[in-house]
Amino acid sequence: DFCLSRGLGDVYKRQSLGRTGLRQMYIGTLTLTLFFALFVAVTLALLLGGQLARPLLMLLRGTQAVAQGDLSPKPELDTGDELGMLTRQFNVMTRQLADTRTSLQESKSFLETVLSNLTAGVCIFDDGFKLVSSNAGADAIFRHDLTQLAGKVLSQIPALAEFEAAVKEGFA
Protein backbone atom coordinates (compact mmCIF):
# COMPACT_ATOMS: atom_id res chain seq x y z
CA ASP A 1 0.00 0.00 0.00
CA PHE A 2 2.82 2.38 0.88
CA CYS A 3 4.63 1.53 -2.35
CA LEU A 4 1.54 2.05 -4.38
CA SER A 5 0.81 5.45 -2.84
CA ARG A 6 4.42 6.46 -3.25
CA GLY A 7 4.35 5.45 -6.92
CA LEU A 8 1.14 7.40 -7.47
CA GLY A 9 2.64 10.41 -5.74
CA ASP A 10 5.60 10.36 -8.15
CA VAL A 11 3.28 10.10 -11.13
CA TYR A 12 1.21 12.99 -9.79
CA LYS A 13 4.35 15.11 -9.27
CA ARG A 14 5.57 14.39 -12.79
CA GLN A 15 2.22 15.25 -14.28
CA SER A 16 2.01 18.43 -12.20
CA LEU A 17 5.48 19.49 -13.38
CA GLY A 18 4.48 18.66 -16.97
CA ARG A 19 1.39 20.87 -16.64
CA THR A 20 3.44 23.78 -15.28
CA GLY A 21 5.91 23.51 -18.17
CA LEU A 22 3.05 23.29 -20.65
CA ARG A 23 1.39 26.36 -19.11
CA GLN A 24 4.67 28.31 -19.34
CA MET A 25 5.11 27.30 -22.98
CA TYR A 26 1.51 28.33 -23.68
CA ILE A 27 2.01 31.76 -22.05
CA GLY A 28 5.32 32.27 -23.90
CA THR A 29 3.73 31.37 -27.24
CA LEU A 30 0.81 33.74 -26.65
CA THR A 31 3.20 36.54 -25.66
CA LEU A 32 5.30 36.07 -28.79
CA THR A 33 2.16 35.94 -30.95
CA LEU A 34 0.89 39.15 -29.34
CA PHE A 35 4.18 40.97 -29.98
CA PHE A 36 4.27 39.73 -33.58
CA ALA A 37 0.67 40.85 -34.20
CA LEU A 38 1.44 44.23 -32.63
CA PHE A 39 4.53 44.61 -34.84
CA VAL A 40 2.56 43.75 -37.97
CA ALA A 41 -0.24 46.18 -37.01
CA VAL A 42 2.19 49.06 -36.37
CA THR A 43 4.05 48.36 -39.63
CA LEU A 44 0.81 48.32 -41.63
CA ALA A 45 -0.37 51.51 -39.94
CA LEU A 46 2.87 53.28 -40.84
CA LEU A 47 2.76 52.09 -44.45
CA LEU A 48 -0.89 53.00 -44.96
CA GLY A 49 -0.47 56.29 -43.11
CA GLY A 50 2.41 57.21 -45.42
CA GLN A 51 0.31 56.43 -48.49
CA LEU A 52 -2.53 58.58 -47.19
CA ALA A 53 -0.28 61.44 -46.08
CA ARG A 54 1.72 61.68 -49.34
CA PRO A 55 -1.04 63.34 -51.42
CA LEU A 56 -1.92 65.65 -48.55
CA LEU A 57 1.72 66.70 -48.24
CA MET A 58 1.81 67.32 -52.01
CA LEU A 59 -1.25 69.56 -51.66
CA LEU A 60 0.34 71.37 -48.71
CA ARG A 61 3.48 72.11 -50.74
CA GLY A 62 1.26 73.19 -53.65
CA THR A 63 -0.75 75.62 -51.54
CA GLN A 64 2.45 77.07 -50.11
CA ALA A 65 3.80 77.56 -53.64
CA VAL A 66 0.56 79.24 -54.75
CA ALA A 67 0.67 81.50 -51.69
CA GLN A 68 4.15 82.58 -52.80
CA GLY A 69 2.89 83.31 -56.32
CA ASP A 70 4.02 80.14 -58.12
CA LEU A 71 1.05 79.06 -60.24
CA SER A 72 2.87 76.37 -62.23
CA PRO A 73 1.14 72.96 -62.46
CA LYS A 74 1.85 70.60 -59.59
CA PRO A 75 2.24 66.81 -59.83
CA GLU A 76 -1.05 64.94 -59.90
CA LEU A 77 -1.81 61.57 -58.36
CA ASP A 78 -3.34 59.20 -60.85
CA THR A 79 -5.51 57.34 -58.39
CA GLY A 80 -9.23 56.77 -58.66
CA ASP A 81 -10.00 57.99 -55.16
CA GLU A 82 -10.94 61.35 -53.70
CA LEU A 83 -7.36 62.41 -53.05
CA GLY A 84 -6.45 61.95 -56.71
CA MET A 85 -9.48 63.97 -57.73
CA LEU A 86 -8.52 66.65 -55.19
CA THR A 87 -5.01 67.01 -56.66
CA ARG A 88 -6.46 67.28 -60.19
CA GLN A 89 -8.94 69.95 -59.08
CA PHE A 90 -6.12 71.83 -57.35
CA ASN A 91 -4.26 71.98 -60.65
CA VAL A 92 -7.42 73.16 -62.44
CA MET A 93 -7.75 75.92 -59.83
CA THR A 94 -4.11 77.03 -60.23
CA ARG A 95 -4.50 77.09 -64.05
CA GLN A 96 -7.58 79.29 -63.66
CA LEU A 97 -5.68 81.58 -61.29
CA ALA A 98 -2.79 81.82 -63.76
CA ASP A 99 -5.20 82.64 -66.60
CA THR A 100 -6.91 85.28 -64.46
CA ARG A 101 -3.55 86.79 -63.50
CA THR A 102 -2.53 86.96 -67.16
CA SER A 103 -5.85 88.54 -68.08
CA LEU A 104 -5.50 91.14 -65.31
CA GLN A 105 -1.98 92.00 -66.40
CA GLU A 106 -3.14 92.44 -69.99
CA SER A 107 -6.04 94.63 -68.85
CA LYS A 108 -3.71 96.72 -66.69
CA SER A 109 -1.22 97.26 -69.49
CA PHE A 110 -4.09 98.16 -71.87
CA LEU A 111 -5.45 100.67 -69.35
CA GLU A 112 -2.00 102.16 -68.83
CA THR A 113 -1.54 102.49 -72.59
CA VAL A 114 -4.90 104.22 -72.97
CA LEU A 115 -4.20 106.55 -70.02
CA SER A 116 -0.75 107.49 -71.27
CA ASN A 117 -2.11 108.37 -74.73
CA LEU A 118 -4.95 110.57 -73.44
CA THR A 119 -4.31 114.30 -73.59
CA ALA A 120 -6.92 114.96 -70.90
CA GLY A 121 -5.78 114.68 -67.31
CA VAL A 122 -6.93 111.50 -65.54
CA CYS A 123 -6.51 110.69 -61.85
CA ILE A 124 -7.63 107.40 -60.32
CA PHE A 125 -8.48 107.32 -56.60
CA ASP A 126 -9.29 104.47 -54.25
CA ASP A 127 -12.27 104.49 -51.87
CA GLY A 128 -10.24 106.48 -49.30
CA PHE A 129 -9.45 109.16 -51.90
CA LYS A 130 -5.80 108.15 -52.09
CA LEU A 131 -4.22 108.54 -55.51
CA VAL A 132 -3.81 105.20 -57.25
CA SER A 133 -2.64 106.34 -60.67
CA SER A 134 -2.50 109.35 -62.97
CA ASN A 135 -1.41 110.13 -66.49
CA ALA A 136 0.92 112.67 -68.05
CA GLY A 137 -2.02 114.95 -68.87
CA ALA A 138 -2.79 115.32 -65.13
CA ASP A 139 0.88 116.04 -64.45
CA ALA A 140 0.80 118.81 -67.08
CA ILE A 141 -2.43 120.32 -65.72
CA PHE A 142 -1.24 120.40 -62.10
CA ARG A 143 2.38 121.17 -63.06
CA HIS A 144 3.45 118.51 -60.61
CA ASP A 145 4.65 114.90 -61.00
CA LEU A 146 1.72 112.99 -59.46
CA THR A 147 3.38 109.57 -59.83
CA GLN A 148 5.33 110.36 -56.66
CA LEU A 149 2.03 110.75 -54.77
CA ALA A 150 0.69 107.27 -55.55
CA GLY A 151 -0.88 105.87 -52.38
CA LYS A 152 -1.06 109.29 -50.72
CA VAL A 153 -3.77 111.93 -50.34
CA LEU A 154 -3.50 115.04 -52.51
CA SER A 155 -3.74 117.38 -49.54
CA GLN A 156 -0.10 116.62 -48.79
CA ILE A 157 0.71 119.18 -51.49
CA PRO A 158 -0.76 122.58 -50.62
CA ALA A 159 -1.46 123.42 -54.28
CA LEU A 160 -3.61 120.29 -54.66
CA ALA A 161 -5.58 120.53 -51.40
CA GLU A 162 -8.31 122.53 -53.14
CA PHE A 163 -8.55 119.88 -55.88
CA GLU A 164 -8.88 117.12 -53.24
CA ALA A 165 -11.70 119.06 -51.55
CA ALA A 166 -13.48 119.43 -54.91
CA VAL A 167 -13.15 115.68 -55.62
CA LYS A 168 -14.53 114.75 -52.20
CA GLU A 169 -17.38 117.22 -52.62
CA GLY A 170 -18.16 115.81 -56.08
CA PHE A 171 -18.42 112.29 -54.72
CA ALA A 172 -20.39 113.30 -51.63
C-alpha atoms as a PDB file:
ATOM      1  CA  ASP A   1       0.000   0.000   0.000  1.00  0.00           C
ATOM      2  CA  PHE A   2       2.819   2.380   0.881  1.00  0.00           C
ATOM      3  CA  CYS A   3       4.628   1.534  -2.346  1.00  0.00           C
ATOM      4  CA  LEU A   4       1.538   2.053  -4.385  1.00  0.00           C
ATOM      5  CA  SER A   5       0.814   5.447  -2.836  1.00  0.00           C
ATOM      6  CA  ARG A   6       4.419   6.457  -3.252  1.00  0.00           C
ATOM      7  CA  GLY A   7       4.346   5.453  -6.920  1.00  0.00           C
ATOM      8  CA  LEU A   8       1.141   7.400  -7.472  1.00  0.00           C
ATOM      9  CA  GLY A   9       2.643  10.411  -5.739  1.00  0.00           C
ATOM     10  CA  ASP A  10       5.604  10.363  -8.150  1.00  0.00           C
ATOM     11  CA  VAL A  11       3.285  10.100 -11.130  1.00  0.00           C
ATOM     12  CA  TYR A  12       1.214  12.986  -9.789  1.00  0.00           C
ATOM     13  CA  LYS A  13       4.348  15.107  -9.268  1.00  0.00           C
ATOM     14  CA  ARG A  14       5.573  14.386 -12.790  1.00  0.00           C
ATOM     15  CA  GLN A  15       2.217  15.246 -14.281  1.00  0.00           C
ATOM     16  CA  SER A  16       2.012  18.426 -12.201  1.00  0.00           C
ATOM     17  CA  LEU A  17       5.478  19.492 -13.380  1.00  0.00           C
ATOM     18  CA  GLY A  18       4.484  18.663 -16.967  1.00  0.00           C
ATOM     19  CA  ARG A  19       1.391  20.870 -16.640  1.00  0.00           C
ATOM     20  CA  THR A  20       3.439  23.777 -15.282  1.00  0.00           C
ATOM     21  CA  GLY A  21       5.906  23.508 -18.170  1.00  0.00           C
ATOM     22  CA  LEU A  22       3.053  23.289 -20.650  1.00  0.00           C
ATOM     23  CA  ARG A  23       1.390  26.360 -19.112  1.00  0.00           C
ATOM     24  CA  GLN A  24       4.674  28.309 -19.337  1.00  0.00           C
ATOM     25  CA  MET A  25       5.111  27.304 -22.982  1.00  0.00           C
ATOM     26  CA  TYR A  26       1.514  28.330 -23.685  1.00  0.00           C
ATOM     27  CA  ILE A  27       2.008  31.765 -22.047  1.00  0.00           C
ATOM     28  CA  GLY A  28       5.317  32.269 -23.899  1.00  0.00           C
ATOM     29  CA  THR A  29       3.726  31.365 -27.236  1.00  0.00           C
ATOM     30  CA  LEU A  30       0.809  33.736 -26.648  1.00  0.00           C
ATOM     31  CA  THR A  31       3.199  36.536 -25.659  1.00  0.00           C
ATOM     32  CA  LEU A  32       5.299  36.066 -28.790  1.00  0.00           C
ATOM     33  CA  THR A  33       2.158  35.943 -30.946  1.00  0.00           C
ATOM     34  CA  LEU A  34       0.888  39.154 -29.335  1.00  0.00           C
ATOM     35  CA  PHE A  35       4.183  40.966 -29.976  1.00  0.00           C
ATOM     36  CA  PHE A  36       4.269  39.731 -33.576  1.00  0.00           C
ATOM     37  CA  ALA A  37       0.667  40.852 -34.201  1.00  0.00           C
ATOM     38  CA  LEU A  38       1.437  44.230 -32.634  1.00  0.00           C
ATOM     39  CA  PHE A  39       4.533  44.612 -34.837  1.00  0.00           C
ATOM     40  CA  VAL A  40       2.558  43.751 -37.971  1.00  0.00           C
ATOM     41  CA  ALA A  41      -0.244  46.176 -37.008  1.00  0.00           C
ATOM     42  CA  VAL A  42       2.187  49.059 -36.369  1.00  0.00           C
ATOM     43  CA  THR A  43       4.048  48.361 -39.629  1.00  0.00           C
ATOM     44  CA  LEU A  44       0.810  48.316 -41.635  1.00  0.00           C
ATOM     45  CA  ALA A  45      -0.370  51.509 -39.937  1.00  0.00           C
ATOM     46  CA  LEU A  46       2.874  53.283 -40.840  1.00  0.00           C
ATOM     47  CA  LEU A  47       2.758  52.091 -44.452  1.00  0.00           C
ATOM     48  CA  LEU A  48      -0.894  52.995 -44.960  1.00  0.00           C
ATOM     49  CA  GLY A  49      -0.469  56.292 -43.115  1.00  0.00           C
ATOM     50  CA  GLY A  50       2.407  57.205 -45.420  1.00  0.00           C
ATOM     51  CA  GLN A  51       0.313  56.431 -48.490  1.00  0.00           C
ATOM     52  CA  LEU A  52      -2.531  58.584 -47.195  1.00  0.00           C
ATOM     53  CA  ALA A  53      -0.280  61.436 -46.085  1.00  0.00           C
ATOM     54  CA  ARG A  54       1.719  61.681 -49.340  1.00  0.00           C
ATOM     55  CA  PRO A  55      -1.039  63.344 -51.418  1.00  0.00           C
ATOM     56  CA  LEU A  56      -1.920  65.654 -48.547  1.00  0.00           C
ATOM     57  CA  LEU A  57       1.721  66.704 -48.239  1.00  0.00           C
ATOM     58  CA  MET A  58       1.805  67.322 -52.009  1.00  0.00           C
ATOM     59  CA  LEU A  59      -1.250  69.564 -51.659  1.00  0.00           C
ATOM     60  CA  LEU A  60       0.337  71.371 -48.713  1.00  0.00           C
ATOM     61  CA  ARG A  61       3.476  72.110 -50.737  1.00  0.00           C
ATOM     62  CA  GLY A  62       1.258  73.188 -53.650  1.00  0.00           C
ATOM     63  CA  THR A  63      -0.754  75.622 -51.544  1.00  0.00           C
ATOM     64  CA  GLN A  64       2.447  77.068 -50.110  1.00  0.00           C
ATOM     65  CA  ALA A  65       3.799  77.559 -53.643  1.00  0.00           C
ATOM     66  CA  VAL A  66       0.558  79.240 -54.754  1.00  0.00           C
ATOM     67  CA  ALA A  67       0.666  81.497 -51.693  1.00  0.00           C
ATOM     68  CA  GLN A  68       4.155  82.584 -52.800  1.00  0.00           C
ATOM     69  CA  GLY A  69       2.886  83.307 -56.323  1.00  0.00           C
ATOM     70  CA  ASP A  70       4.016  80.137 -58.119  1.00  0.00           C
ATOM     71  CA  LEU A  71       1.048  79.055 -60.240  1.00  0.00           C
ATOM     72  CA  SER A  72       2.870  76.373 -62.230  1.00  0.00           C
ATOM     73  CA  PRO A  73       1.141  72.965 -62.462  1.00  0.00           C
ATOM     74  CA  LYS A  74       1.851  70.601 -59.590  1.00  0.00           C
ATOM     75  CA  PRO A  75       2.239  66.807 -59.833  1.00  0.00           C
ATOM     76  CA  GLU A  76      -1.052  64.936 -59.897  1.00  0.00           C
ATOM     77  CA  LEU A  77      -1.814  61.573 -58.361  1.00  0.00           C
ATOM     78  CA  ASP A  78      -3.342  59.202 -60.851  1.00  0.00           C
ATOM     79  CA  THR A  79      -5.512  57.340 -58.389  1.00  0.00           C
ATOM     80  CA  GLY A  80      -9.227  56.770 -58.658  1.00  0.00           C
ATOM     81  CA  ASP A  81     -10.000  57.995 -55.162  1.00  0.00           C
ATOM     82  CA  GLU A  82     -10.944  61.348 -53.704  1.00  0.00           C
ATOM     83  CA  LEU A  83      -7.355  62.409 -53.047  1.00  0.00           C
ATOM     84  CA  GLY A  84      -6.446  61.945 -56.706  1.00  0.00           C
ATOM     85  CA  MET A  85      -9.480  63.969 -57.730  1.00  0.00           C
ATOM     86  CA  LEU A  86      -8.519  66.654 -55.193  1.00  0.00           C
ATOM     87  CA  THR A  87      -5.006  67.013 -56.664  1.00  0.00           C
ATOM     88  CA  ARG A  88      -6.459  67.280 -60.191  1.00  0.00           C
ATOM     89  CA  GLN A  89      -8.939  69.947 -59.079  1.00  0.00           C
ATOM     90  CA  PHE A  90      -6.117  71.829 -57.345  1.00  0.00           C
ATOM     91  CA  ASN A  91      -4.255  71.984 -60.652  1.00  0.00           C
ATOM     92  CA  VAL A  92      -7.418  73.161 -62.442  1.00  0.00           C
ATOM     93  CA  MET A  93      -7.751  75.919 -59.833  1.00  0.00           C
ATOM     94  CA  THR A  94      -4.110  77.025 -60.228  1.00  0.00           C
ATOM     95  CA  ARG A  95      -4.503  77.089 -64.047  1.00  0.00           C
ATOM     96  CA  GLN A  96      -7.582  79.286 -63.662  1.00  0.00           C
ATOM     97  CA  LEU A  97      -5.678  81.577 -61.288  1.00  0.00           C
ATOM     98  CA  ALA A  98      -2.789  81.818 -63.758  1.00  0.00           C
ATOM     99  CA  ASP A  99      -5.198  82.645 -66.603  1.00  0.00           C
ATOM    100  CA  THR A 100      -6.905  85.278 -64.456  1.00  0.00           C
ATOM    101  CA  ARG A 101      -3.547  86.791 -63.498  1.00  0.00           C
ATOM    102  CA  THR A 102      -2.529  86.963 -67.156  1.00  0.00           C
ATOM    103  CA  SER A 103      -5.852  88.543 -68.078  1.00  0.00           C
ATOM    104  CA  LEU A 104      -5.504  91.141 -65.308  1.00  0.00           C
ATOM    105  CA  GLN A 105      -1.975  92.003 -66.396  1.00  0.00           C
ATOM    106  CA  GLU A 106      -3.141  92.438 -69.988  1.00  0.00           C
ATOM    107  CA  SER A 107      -6.037  94.633 -68.848  1.00  0.00           C
ATOM    108  CA  LYS A 108      -3.709  96.717 -66.688  1.00  0.00           C
ATOM    109  CA  SER A 109      -1.218  97.258 -69.494  1.00  0.00           C
ATOM    110  CA  PHE A 110      -4.085  98.165 -71.873  1.00  0.00           C
ATOM    111  CA  LEU A 111      -5.450 100.673 -69.354  1.00  0.00           C
ATOM    112  CA  GLU A 112      -1.998 102.162 -68.828  1.00  0.00           C
ATOM    113  CA  THR A 113      -1.538 102.487 -72.590  1.00  0.00           C
ATOM    114  CA  VAL A 114      -4.905 104.217 -72.968  1.00  0.00           C
ATOM    115  CA  LEU A 115      -4.202 106.551 -70.019  1.00  0.00           C
ATOM    116  CA  SER A 116      -0.750 107.494 -71.272  1.00  0.00           C
ATOM    117  CA  ASN A 117      -2.106 108.371 -74.734  1.00  0.00           C
ATOM    118  CA  LEU A 118      -4.946 110.574 -73.439  1.00  0.00           C
ATOM    119  CA  THR A 119      -4.308 114.298 -73.587  1.00  0.00           C
ATOM    120  CA  ALA A 120      -6.925 114.960 -70.899  1.00  0.00           C
ATOM    121  CA  GLY A 121      -5.777 114.678 -67.312  1.00  0.00           C
ATOM    122  CA  VAL A 122      -6.931 111.500 -65.544  1.00  0.00           C
ATOM    123  CA  CYS A 123      -6.511 110.690 -61.851  1.00  0.00           C
ATOM    124  CA  ILE A 124      -7.632 107.399 -60.318  1.00  0.00           C
ATOM    125  CA  PHE A 125      -8.478 107.325 -56.597  1.00  0.00           C
ATOM    126  CA  ASP A 126      -9.294 104.470 -54.245  1.00  0.00           C
ATOM    127  CA  ASP A 127     -12.268 104.495 -51.867  1.00  0.00           C
ATOM    128  CA  GLY A 128     -10.239 106.476 -49.296  1.00  0.00           C
ATOM    129  CA  PHE A 129      -9.450 109.157 -51.900  1.00  0.00           C
ATOM    130  CA  LYS A 130      -5.799 108.154 -52.094  1.00  0.00           C
ATOM    131  CA  LEU A 131      -4.220 108.544 -55.509  1.00  0.00           C
ATOM    132  CA  VAL A 132      -3.807 105.204 -57.253  1.00  0.00           C
ATOM    133  CA  SER A 133      -2.637 106.337 -60.668  1.00  0.00           C
ATOM    134  CA  SER A 134      -2.500 109.352 -62.966  1.00  0.00           C
ATOM    135  CA  ASN A 135      -1.406 110.134 -66.489  1.00  0.00           C
ATOM    136  CA  ALA A 136       0.924 112.671 -68.053  1.00  0.00           C
ATOM    137  CA  GLY A 137      -2.024 114.950 -68.866  1.00  0.00           C
ATOM    138  CA  ALA A 138      -2.792 115.323 -65.134  1.00  0.00           C
ATOM    139  CA  ASP A 139       0.877 116.037 -64.449  1.00  0.00           C
ATOM    140  CA  ALA A 140       0.796 118.810 -67.079  1.00  0.00           C
ATOM    141  CA  ILE A 141      -2.432 120.321 -65.724  1.00  0.00           C
ATOM    142  CA  PHE A 142      -1.239 120.403 -62.097  1.00  0.00           C
ATOM    143  CA  ARG A 143       2.376 121.172 -63.055  1.00  0.00           C
ATOM    144  CA  HIS A 144       3.455 118.509 -60.613  1.00  0.00           C
ATOM    145  CA  ASP A 145       4.652 114.899 -61.001  1.00  0.00           C
ATOM    146  CA  LEU A 146       1.723 112.986 -59.463  1.00  0.00           C
ATOM    147  CA  THR A 147       3.375 109.573 -59.829  1.00  0.00           C
ATOM    148  CA  GLN A 148       5.330 110.362 -56.664  1.00  0.00           C
ATOM    149  CA  LEU A 149       2.034 110.751 -54.775  1.00  0.00           C
ATOM    150  CA  ALA A 150       0.695 107.268 -55.555  1.00  0.00           C
ATOM    151  CA  GLY A 151      -0.875 105.872 -52.381  1.00  0.00           C
ATOM    152  CA  LYS A 152      -1.056 109.293 -50.718  1.00  0.00           C
ATOM    153  CA  VAL A 153      -3.766 111.926 -50.341  1.00  0.00           C
ATOM    154  CA  LEU A 154      -3.505 115.042 -52.512  1.00  0.00           C
ATOM    155  CA  SER A 155      -3.742 117.379 -49.543  1.00  0.00           C
ATOM    156  CA  GLN A 156      -0.104 116.621 -48.785  1.00  0.00           C
ATOM    157  CA  ILE A 157       0.712 119.179 -51.492  1.00  0.00           C
ATOM    158  CA  PRO A 158      -0.765 122.578 -50.622  1.00  0.00           C
ATOM    159  CA  ALA A 159      -1.458 123.421 -54.278  1.00  0.00           C
ATOM    160  CA  LEU A 160      -3.605 120.287 -54.662  1.00  0.00           C
ATOM    161  CA  ALA A 161      -5.579 120.533 -51.395  1.00  0.00           C
ATOM    162  CA  GLU A 162      -8.309 122.532 -53.144  1.00  0.00           C
ATOM    163  CA  PHE A 163      -8.551 119.880 -55.876  1.00  0.00           C
ATOM    164  CA  GLU A 164      -8.881 117.122 -53.245  1.00  0.00           C
ATOM    165  CA  ALA A 165     -11.704 119.056 -51.549  1.00  0.00           C
ATOM    166  CA  ALA A 166     -13.478 119.433 -54.911  1.00  0.00           C
ATOM    167  CA  VAL A 167     -13.146 115.677 -55.617  1.00  0.00           C
ATOM    168  CA  LYS A 168     -14.528 114.746 -52.202  1.00  0.00           C
ATOM    169  CA  GLU A 169     -17.381 117.216 -52.618  1.00  0.00           C
ATOM    170  CA  GLY A 170     -18.164 115.813 -56.075  1.00  0.00           C
ATOM    171  CA  PHE A 171     -18.415 112.291 -54.721  1.00  0.00           C
ATOM    172  CA  ALA A 172     -20.385 113.298 -51.634  1.00  0.00           C
END
